[in-house]
Amino acid sequence: MTKRHSFAHRHFGKPLEKLGDIELRVLDRAEDHLVISTDVNAAISAHATFGQRLADRIARIGGSWGFIISFIVFLIAWSAINTVILTKDAFDPYPFIFLNLILSMIAAIQAPIIMMSQNRQAERDRFEAAKDYEVNLKAELEILSLHRKIDMEVLSELAALREDLARLHAKLPEAKG
């Protein structure tokens, strides 16, 4: 049995052949003493298409207080212009049918864009959770390895102390005589 097989069996409790892709990748990184953590934001942004970046920007703007307040101001201005200022020749008289059409079209476009952004956020969360698992798994392997090294060091020190004690014990009857 190779060192890699015994390491996998000892730390994962199963043979090397039954390890998953993530476990194998972590095992490779741990053996080579390489860093496994990555910047999730950079990794996600590097693979984002123009449409995905645009959807994220639209969702960020559409979900902001600045957008909500400016939209409320727009609605109040629209209502004031069509009821108070242009009492006779209003381009969209009460009940504001044209405004309702515009709002319906905005909602029809904005809702799927926000859902695309939410799907991307869910994908990002899954990616981040997988990376967290890899980092935690590697940290656990490193801790176990450190424990094993410390245990071996303590055992060798105990063996040396026992030898010293046996030598001292052997000299003790000589000193009495």
C-alpha atoms as a PDB file:
ATOM      1  CA  MET A   1       0.000   0.000   0.000  1.00  0.00           C
ATOM      2  CA  THR A   2       1.488   3.361  -1.049  1.00  0.00           C
ATOM      3  CA  LYS A   3       1.880   6.329   1.242  1.00  0.00           C
ATOM      4  CA  ARG A   4      -0.932   8.118  -0.610  1.00  0.00           C
ATOM      5  CA  HIS A   5      -3.304   5.152  -0.194  1.00  0.00           C
ATOM      6  CA  SER A   6      -2.559   4.840   3.518  1.00  0.00           C
ATOM      7  CA  PHE A   7      -2.923   8.610   3.977  1.00  0.00           C
ATOM      8  CA  ALA A   8      -6.331   8.560   2.264  1.00  0.00           C
ATOM      9  CA  HIS A   9      -7.495   5.565   4.277  1.00  0.00           C
ATOM     10  CA  ARG A  10      -6.213   6.965   7.570  1.00  0.00           C
ATOM     11  CA  HIS A  11      -7.658  10.477   7.128  1.00  0.00           C
ATOM     12  CA  PHE A  12     -10.800   9.840   5.094  1.00  0.00           C
ATOM     13  CA  GLY A  13     -11.655   6.370   6.339  1.00  0.00           C
ATOM     14  CA  LYS A  14     -12.003   4.975   2.818  1.00  0.00           C
ATOM     15  CA  PRO A  15      -9.700   3.788   0.054  1.00  0.00           C
ATOM     16  CA  LEU A  16      -8.198   6.244  -2.406  1.00  0.00           C
ATOM     17  CA  GLU A  17     -10.369   4.929  -5.251  1.00  0.00           C
ATOM     18  CA  LYS A  18     -13.561   5.875  -3.391  1.00  0.00           C
ATOM     19  CA  LEU A  19     -12.597   9.510  -2.770  1.00  0.00           C
ATOM     20  CA  GLY A  20     -14.547  12.174  -4.619  1.00  0.00           C
ATOM     21  CA  ASP A  21     -13.113  14.860  -6.876  1.00  0.00           C
ATOM     22  CA  ILE A  22     -13.017  17.463  -4.114  1.00  0.00           C
ATOM     23  CA  GLU A  23     -11.309  15.107  -1.677  1.00  0.00           C
ATOM     24  CA  LEU A  24      -8.699  14.135  -4.292  1.00  0.00           C
ATOM     25  CA  ARG A  25      -8.043  17.785  -5.128  1.00  0.00           C
ATOM     26  CA  VAL A  26      -7.623  18.608  -1.428  1.00  0.00           C
ATOM     27  CA  LEU A  27      -5.375  15.589  -0.952  1.00  0.00           C
ATOM     28  CA  ASP A  28      -3.168  16.700  -3.867  1.00  0.00           C
ATOM     29  CA  ARG A  29      -2.951  20.250  -2.517  1.00  0.00           C
ATOM     30  CA  ALA A  30      -2.214  19.019   1.019  1.00  0.00           C
ATOM     31  CA  GLU A  31       0.557  16.692  -0.188  1.00  0.00           C
ATOM     32  CA  ASP A  32       2.176  19.507  -2.192  1.00  0.00           C
ATOM     33  CA  HIS A  33       1.649  22.004   0.657  1.00  0.00           C
ATOM     34  CA  LEU A  34      -0.222  24.383  -1.650  1.00  0.00           C
ATOM     35  CA  VAL A  35      -2.873  26.951  -0.775  1.00  0.00           C
ATOM     36  CA  ILE A  36      -6.383  25.879  -1.642  1.00  0.00           C
ATOM     37  CA  SER A  37      -8.401  28.993  -0.841  1.00  0.00           C
ATOM     38  CA  THR A  38      -9.325  31.369  -3.649  1.00  0.00           C
ATOM     39  CA  ASP A  39     -10.941  34.770  -3.932  1.00  0.00           C
ATOM     40  CA  VAL A  40     -14.536  33.785  -4.669  1.00  0.00           C
ATOM     41  CA  ASN A  41     -15.470  37.223  -6.013  1.00  0.00           C
ATOM     42  CA  ALA A  42     -12.573  37.218  -8.477  1.00  0.00           C
ATOM     43  CA  ALA A  43     -13.285  33.637  -9.564  1.00  0.00           C
ATOM     44  CA  ILE A  44     -16.971  34.373 -10.200  1.00  0.00           C
ATOM     45  CA  SER A  45     -16.287  37.713 -11.910  1.00  0.00           C
ATOM     46  CA  ALA A  46     -13.686  36.157 -14.201  1.00  0.00           C
ATOM     47  CA  HIS A  47     -16.282  33.851 -15.760  1.00  0.00           C
ATOM     48  CA  ALA A  48     -19.207  36.308 -15.842  1.00  0.00           C
ATOM     49  CA  THR A  49     -20.654  37.159 -19.233  1.00  0.00           C
ATOM     50  CA  PHE A  50     -21.666  40.685 -20.206  1.00  0.00           C
ATOM     51  CA  GLY A  51     -25.338  39.808 -19.681  1.00  0.00           C
ATOM     52  CA  GLN A  52     -24.667  38.424 -16.206  1.00  0.00           C
ATOM     53  CA  ARG A  53     -22.718  41.526 -15.179  1.00  0.00           C
ATOM     54  CA  LEU A  54     -25.480  43.731 -16.578  1.00  0.00           C
ATOM     55  CA  ALA A  55     -28.152  41.757 -14.697  1.00  0.00           C
ATOM     56  CA  ASP A  56     -26.179  42.164 -11.466  1.00  0.00           C
ATOM     57  CA  ARG A  57     -25.880  45.923 -12.000  1.00  0.00           C
ATOM     58  CA  ILE A  58     -29.576  46.312 -12.795  1.00  0.00           C
ATOM     59  CA  ALA A  59     -30.543  44.250  -9.735  1.00  0.00           C
ATOM     60  CA  ARG A  60     -28.153  46.286  -7.566  1.00  0.00           C
ATOM     61  CA  ILE A  61     -29.663  49.557  -8.807  1.00  0.00           C
ATOM     62  CA  GLY A  62     -33.268  48.299  -8.777  1.00  0.00           C
ATOM     63  CA  GLY A  63     -32.902  47.125  -5.185  1.00  0.00           C
ATOM     64  CA  SER A  64     -31.454  50.365  -3.841  1.00  0.00           C
ATOM     65  CA  TRP A  65     -33.066  53.118  -1.833  1.00  0.00           C
ATOM     66  CA  GLY A  66     -31.863  55.634  -4.415  1.00  0.00           C
ATOM     67  CA  PHE A  67     -33.900  53.889  -7.094  1.00  0.00           C
ATOM     68  CA  ILE A  68     -36.981  53.559  -4.887  1.00  0.00           C
ATOM     69  CA  ILE A  69     -36.919  57.215  -3.812  1.00  0.00           C
ATOM     70  CA  SER A  70     -36.285  58.488  -7.338  1.00  0.00           C
ATOM     71  CA  PHE A  71     -39.100  56.286  -8.654  1.00  0.00           C
ATOM     72  CA  ILE A  72     -41.488  57.633  -6.010  1.00  0.00           C
ATOM     73  CA  VAL A  73     -40.496  61.193  -7.018  1.00  0.00           C
ATOM     74  CA  PHE A  74     -41.104  60.255 -10.675  1.00  0.00           C
ATOM     75  CA  LEU A  75     -44.576  58.849  -9.861  1.00  0.00           C
ATOM     76  CA  ILE A  76     -45.528  61.924  -7.817  1.00  0.00           C
ATOM     77  CA  ALA A  77     -44.293  64.233 -10.606  1.00  0.00           C
ATOM     78  CA  TRP A  78     -46.203  62.231 -13.247  1.00  0.00           C
ATOM     79  CA  SER A  79     -49.377  62.384 -11.176  1.00  0.00           C
ATOM     80  CA  ALA A  80     -48.965  66.092 -10.420  1.00  0.00           C
ATOM     81  CA  ILE A  81     -48.294  67.002 -14.050  1.00  0.00           C
ATOM     82  CA  ASN A  82     -51.312  65.044 -15.318  1.00  0.00           C
ATOM     83  CA  THR A  83     -53.801  66.186 -12.659  1.00  0.00           C
ATOM     84  CA  VAL A  84     -52.790  69.627 -11.386  1.00  0.00           C
ATOM     85  CA  ILE A  85     -50.598  71.291 -14.025  1.00  0.00           C
ATOM     86  CA  LEU A  86     -52.173  69.984 -17.232  1.00  0.00           C
ATOM     87  CA  THR A  87     -55.812  69.898 -16.136  1.00  0.00           C
ATOM     88  CA  LYS A  88     -57.232  70.242 -19.678  1.00  0.00           C
ATOM     89  CA  ASP A  89     -54.634  68.748 -22.016  1.00  0.00           C
ATOM     90  CA  ALA A  90     -53.060  66.009 -19.848  1.00  0.00           C
ATOM     91  CA  PHE A  91     -51.168  63.446 -21.925  1.00  0.00           C
ATOM     92  CA  ASP A  92     -52.134  60.717 -19.412  1.00  0.00           C
ATOM     93  CA  PRO A  93     -55.284  61.736 -17.525  1.00  0.00           C
ATOM     94  CA  TYR A  94     -56.454  59.975 -14.382  1.00  0.00           C
ATOM     95  CA  PRO A  95     -56.462  56.830 -13.967  1.00  0.00           C
ATOM     96  CA  PHE A  96     -53.021  57.050 -15.682  1.00  0.00           C
ATOM     97  CA  ILE A  97     -53.433  54.200 -18.154  1.00  0.00           C
ATOM     98  CA  PHE A  98     -50.193  55.044 -19.987  1.00  0.00           C
ATOM     99  CA  LEU A  99     -48.288  55.112 -16.680  1.00  0.00           C
ATOM    100  CA  ASN A 100     -49.732  51.689 -15.796  1.00  0.00           C
ATOM    101  CA  LEU A 101     -48.581  50.381 -19.195  1.00  0.00           C
ATOM    102  CA  ILE A 102     -45.053  51.726 -18.615  1.00  0.00           C
ATOM    103  CA  LEU A 103     -44.939  50.281 -15.074  1.00  0.00           C
ATOM    104  CA  SER A 104     -46.156  46.890 -16.332  1.00  0.00           C
ATOM    105  CA  MET A 105     -43.474  46.816 -19.036  1.00  0.00           C
ATOM    106  CA  ILE A 106     -40.760  47.796 -16.553  1.00  0.00           C
ATOM    107  CA  ALA A 107     -41.925  45.072 -14.145  1.00  0.00           C
ATOM    108  CA  ALA A 108     -42.072  42.504 -16.970  1.00  0.00           C
ATOM    109  CA  ILE A 109     -38.471  43.253 -17.887  1.00  0.00           C
ATOM    110  CA  GLN A 110     -37.083  43.895 -14.410  1.00  0.00           C
ATOM    111  CA  ALA A 111     -38.434  40.719 -12.761  1.00  0.00           C
ATOM    112  CA  PRO A 112     -36.567  38.206 -14.977  1.00  0.00           C
ATOM    113  CA  ILE A 113     -33.396  40.308 -14.802  1.00  0.00           C
ATOM    114  CA  ILE A 114     -33.547  40.286 -10.991  1.00  0.00           C
ATOM    115  CA  MET A 115     -34.215  36.529 -11.064  1.00  0.00           C
ATOM    116  CA  MET A 116     -31.123  36.033 -13.268  1.00  0.00           C
ATOM    117  CA  SER A 117     -29.085  37.975 -10.728  1.00  0.00           C
ATOM    118  CA  GLN A 118     -30.555  35.934  -7.862  1.00  0.00           C
ATOM    119  CA  ASN A 119     -29.705  32.711  -9.716  1.00  0.00           C
ATOM    120  CA  ARG A 120     -26.148  33.962 -10.109  1.00  0.00           C
ATOM    121  CA  GLN A 121     -26.041  34.793  -6.413  1.00  0.00           C
ATOM    122  CA  ALA A 122     -27.235  31.264  -5.600  1.00  0.00           C
ATOM    123  CA  GLU A 123     -24.532  29.863  -7.918  1.00  0.00           C
ATOM    124  CA  ARG A 124     -21.967  32.071  -6.174  1.00  0.00           C
ATOM    125  CA  ASP A 125     -23.156  30.823  -2.773  1.00  0.00           C
ATOM    126  CA  ARG A 126     -22.818  27.193  -3.909  1.00  0.00           C
ATOM    127  CA  PHE A 127     -19.325  27.886  -5.248  1.00  0.00           C
ATOM    128  CA  GLU A 128     -18.361  29.640  -2.015  1.00  0.00           C
ATOM    129  CA  ALA A 129     -19.739  26.749   0.065  1.00  0.00           C
ATOM    130  CA  ALA A 130     -17.718  24.244  -2.002  1.00  0.00           C
ATOM    131  CA  LYS A 131     -14.570  26.348  -1.537  1.00  0.00           C
ATOM    132  CA  ASP A 132     -15.247  26.616   2.204  1.00  0.00           C
ATOM    133  CA  TYR A 133     -15.602  22.829   2.358  1.00  0.00           C
ATOM    134  CA  GLU A 134     -12.278  22.372   0.548  1.00  0.00           C
ATOM    135  CA  VAL A 135     -10.499  24.828   2.846  1.00  0.00           C
ATOM    136  CA  ASN A 136     -12.010  23.226   5.945  1.00  0.00           C
ATOM    137  CA  LEU A 137     -11.100  19.756   4.735  1.00  0.00           C
ATOM    138  CA  LYS A 138      -7.506  20.784   4.019  1.00  0.00           C
ATOM    139  CA  ALA A 139      -7.273  22.524   7.409  1.00  0.00           C
ATOM    140  CA  GLU A 140      -8.544  19.369   9.071  1.00  0.00           C
ATOM    141  CA  LEU A 141      -5.952  17.272   7.223  1.00  0.00           C
ATOM    142  CA  GLU A 142      -3.195  19.690   8.205  1.00  0.00           C
ATOM    143  CA  ILE A 143      -4.307  19.629  11.840  1.00  0.00           C
ATOM    144  CA  LEU A 144      -4.362  15.830  11.844  1.00  0.00           C
ATOM    145  CA  SER A 145      -0.906  15.790  10.288  1.00  0.00           C
ATOM    146  CA  LEU A 146       0.388  18.219  12.919  1.00  0.00           C
ATOM    147  CA  HIS A 147      -1.153  16.079  15.666  1.00  0.00           C
ATOM    148  CA  ARG A 148       0.588  13.035  14.262  1.00  0.00           C
ATOM    149  CA  LYS A 149       3.942  14.879  14.124  1.00  0.00           C
ATOM    150  CA  ILE A 150       3.549  16.181  17.672  1.00  0.00           C
ATOM    151  CA  ASP A 151       2.539  12.731  18.914  1.00  0.00           C
ATOM    152  CA  MET A 152       5.625  11.199  17.273  1.00  0.00           C
ATOM    153  CA  GLU A 153       7.841  13.884  18.816  1.00  0.00           C
ATOM    154  CA  VAL A 154       6.323  13.341  22.257  1.00  0.00           C
ATOM    155  CA  LEU A 155       6.720   9.579  21.916  1.00  0.00           C
ATOM    156  CA  SER A 156      10.385   9.904  20.924  1.00  0.00           C
ATOM    157  CA  GLU A 157      10.998  12.276  23.836  1.00  0.00           C
ATOM    158  CA  LEU A 158       9.280   9.833  26.204  1.00  0.00           C
ATOM    159  CA  ALA A 159      11.444   6.991  24.882  1.00  0.00           C
ATOM    160  CA  ALA A 160      14.570   9.108  25.428  1.00  0.00           C
ATOM    161  CA  LEU A 161      13.417   9.977  28.945  1.00  0.00           C
ATOM    162  CA  ARG A 162      12.800   6.304  29.697  1.00  0.00           C
ATOM    163  CA  GLU A 163      16.298   5.438  28.492  1.00  0.00           C
ATOM    164  CA  ASP A 164      17.760   8.211  30.660  1.00  0.00           C
ATOM    165  CA  LEU A 165      15.707   7.018  33.620  1.00  0.00           C
ATOM    166  CA  ALA A 166      16.822   3.410  33.055  1.00  0.00           C
ATOM    167  CA  ARG A 167      20.476   4.524  32.914  1.00  0.00           C
ATOM    168  CA  LEU A 168      20.047   6.551  36.090  1.00  0.00           C
ATOM    169  CA  HIS A 169      18.268   3.663  37.741  1.00  0.00           C
ATOM    170  CA  ALA A 170      21.095   1.329  36.695  1.00  0.00           C
ATOM    171  CA  LYS A 171      23.693   3.665  38.232  1.00  0.00           C
ATOM    172  CA  LEU A 172      21.729   4.014  41.458  1.00  0.00           C
ATOM    173  CA  PRO A 173      22.775   0.626  42.964  1.00  0.00           C
ATOM    174  CA  GLU A 174      26.390   1.419  42.033  1.00  0.00           C
ATOM    175  CA  ALA A 175      26.239   4.675  43.982  1.00  0.00           C
ATOM    176  CA  LYS A 176      24.918   2.899  47.108  1.00  0.00           C
ATOM    177  CA  GLY A 177      27.701   0.336  47.093  1.00  0.00           C
END
